[in-house]
Amino acid sequence: MKEKLVGRPSDGYDASASGIHRRAEEVREEAEYASALRDELFGAFAREGRPMGNDVYGAELDKSFPGLRDAIFNEFDAYIGELGHTHEDMRTSAKHYDIARRQSER
């Protein structure tokens, strides 16, 4: 007779596919939130134009501004990309755990 270990502690790692799915959706929501923040910031930069002013100091800072602005958006994009990959990886993991659990219940 085959013993079912579902719901009981085991010597191995046990994961809940539904829990992983739930956390994956939280990661997706975080990616959407970060995308909205990035877009809002992009709009602010577009509205403000040259925020450094027209004095000597502003002119000097204005030289590095495009690079700094681009670096900010590159970091946003990298973070959003990582969240997207994490979301997909978690969904794949949940699918595999679900398959393994169903097979162990046979």
Protein backbone atom coordinates (compact mmCIF):
# COMPACT_ATOMS: atom_id res chain seq x y z
CA MET A 1 0.00 0.00 0.00
CA LYS A 2 1.36 3.39 -1.07
CA GLU A 3 1.42 5.99 1.69
CA LYS A 4 0.37 9.55 0.80
CA LEU A 5 2.55 12.23 2.35
CA VAL A 6 0.48 15.24 1.31
CA GLY A 7 -0.15 17.56 4.25
CA ARG A 8 2.37 15.77 6.49
CA PRO A 9 5.90 16.84 7.30
CA SER A 10 8.54 14.99 5.35
CA ASP A 11 12.30 14.78 5.28
CA GLY A 12 12.32 16.72 2.00
CA TYR A 13 11.31 20.17 0.93
CA ASP A 14 7.59 20.79 0.65
CA ALA A 15 6.17 23.73 -1.27
CA SER A 16 2.66 24.91 -1.94
CA ALA A 17 2.02 25.53 -5.63
CA SER A 18 -0.83 27.87 -4.73
CA GLY A 19 1.45 29.80 -2.38
CA ILE A 20 4.09 30.16 -5.08
CA HIS A 21 1.41 31.31 -7.54
CA ARG A 22 0.20 33.88 -5.02
CA ARG A 23 3.71 35.23 -4.45
CA ALA A 24 4.33 35.27 -8.22
CA GLU A 25 1.30 37.51 -8.62
CA GLU A 26 2.68 39.82 -5.93
CA VAL A 27 5.92 40.05 -7.90
CA ARG A 28 3.95 40.84 -11.09
CA GLU A 29 2.08 43.57 -9.22
CA GLU A 30 5.39 45.01 -7.99
CA ALA A 31 6.62 45.09 -11.61
CA GLU A 32 3.47 46.96 -12.66
CA TYR A 33 3.93 49.42 -9.79
CA ALA A 34 7.59 50.02 -10.68
CA SER A 35 6.61 50.52 -14.33
CA ALA A 36 4.02 53.11 -13.34
CA LEU A 37 6.58 54.94 -11.17
CA ARG A 38 9.11 54.89 -14.02
CA ASP A 39 6.53 56.28 -16.43
CA GLU A 40 5.51 58.99 -13.95
CA LEU A 41 9.14 59.99 -13.44
CA PHE A 42 9.73 60.02 -17.20
CA GLY A 43 6.76 62.38 -17.55
CA ALA A 44 8.17 64.66 -14.86
CA PHE A 45 11.52 64.84 -16.64
CA ALA A 46 9.75 65.58 -19.93
CA ARG A 47 7.66 68.38 -18.35
CA GLU A 48 10.55 70.01 -16.52
CA GLY A 49 13.01 70.07 -19.41
CA ARG A 50 16.30 71.46 -18.12
CA PRO A 51 15.86 71.41 -14.33
CA MET A 52 19.37 72.65 -13.58
CA GLY A 53 18.74 76.34 -14.26
CA ASN A 54 20.62 78.79 -16.45
CA ASP A 55 23.41 79.94 -14.15
CA VAL A 56 27.03 78.75 -14.26
CA TYR A 57 26.39 75.92 -11.80
CA GLY A 58 23.27 74.80 -13.64
CA ALA A 59 25.15 74.78 -16.94
CA GLU A 60 27.85 72.57 -15.44
CA LEU A 61 25.34 70.16 -13.90
CA ASP A 62 23.38 70.13 -17.14
CA LYS A 63 26.35 68.46 -18.86
CA SER A 64 26.00 65.33 -16.76
CA PHE A 65 22.21 65.40 -16.48
CA PRO A 66 21.38 63.28 -19.58
CA GLY A 67 23.71 60.52 -18.41
CA LEU A 68 22.33 60.57 -14.89
CA ARG A 69 18.74 60.56 -16.16
CA ASP A 70 19.49 57.65 -18.50
CA ALA A 71 21.18 55.73 -15.67
CA ILE A 72 18.06 56.12 -13.52
CA PHE A 73 15.82 54.75 -16.25
CA ASN A 74 18.26 51.93 -17.05
CA GLU A 75 18.09 50.85 -13.39
CA PHE A 76 14.30 50.99 -13.42
CA ASP A 77 14.24 48.87 -16.58
CA ALA A 78 16.69 46.35 -15.10
CA TYR A 79 14.63 46.05 -11.91
CA ILE A 80 11.38 45.66 -13.83
CA GLY A 81 13.04 43.05 -16.06
CA GLU A 82 14.26 41.08 -13.03
CA LEU A 83 10.77 41.15 -11.55
CA GLY A 84 9.38 39.86 -14.85
CA HIS A 85 11.87 36.99 -14.92
CA THR A 86 11.20 36.19 -11.26
CA HIS A 87 7.45 36.13 -11.93
CA GLU A 88 7.84 33.71 -14.82
CA ASP A 89 10.31 31.51 -12.92
CA MET A 90 7.96 31.31 -9.94
CA ARG A 91 5.05 30.37 -12.19
CA THR A 92 7.17 27.62 -13.74
CA SER A 93 8.22 26.38 -10.28
CA ALA A 94 4.61 26.31 -9.09
CA LYS A 95 3.65 24.31 -12.17
CA HIS A 96 6.43 21.78 -11.50
CA TYR A 97 5.53 21.45 -7.82
CA ASP A 98 1.89 20.95 -8.75
CA ILE A 99 2.80 18.23 -11.27
CA ALA A 100 5.09 16.51 -8.76
CA ARG A 101 2.45 16.61 -6.03
CA ARG A 102 -0.20 15.12 -8.33
CA GLN A 103 2.17 12.36 -9.37
CA SER A 104 3.00 11.56 -5.74
CA GLU A 105 -0.71 11.28 -4.92
CA ARG A 106 -1.26 8.48 -7.41
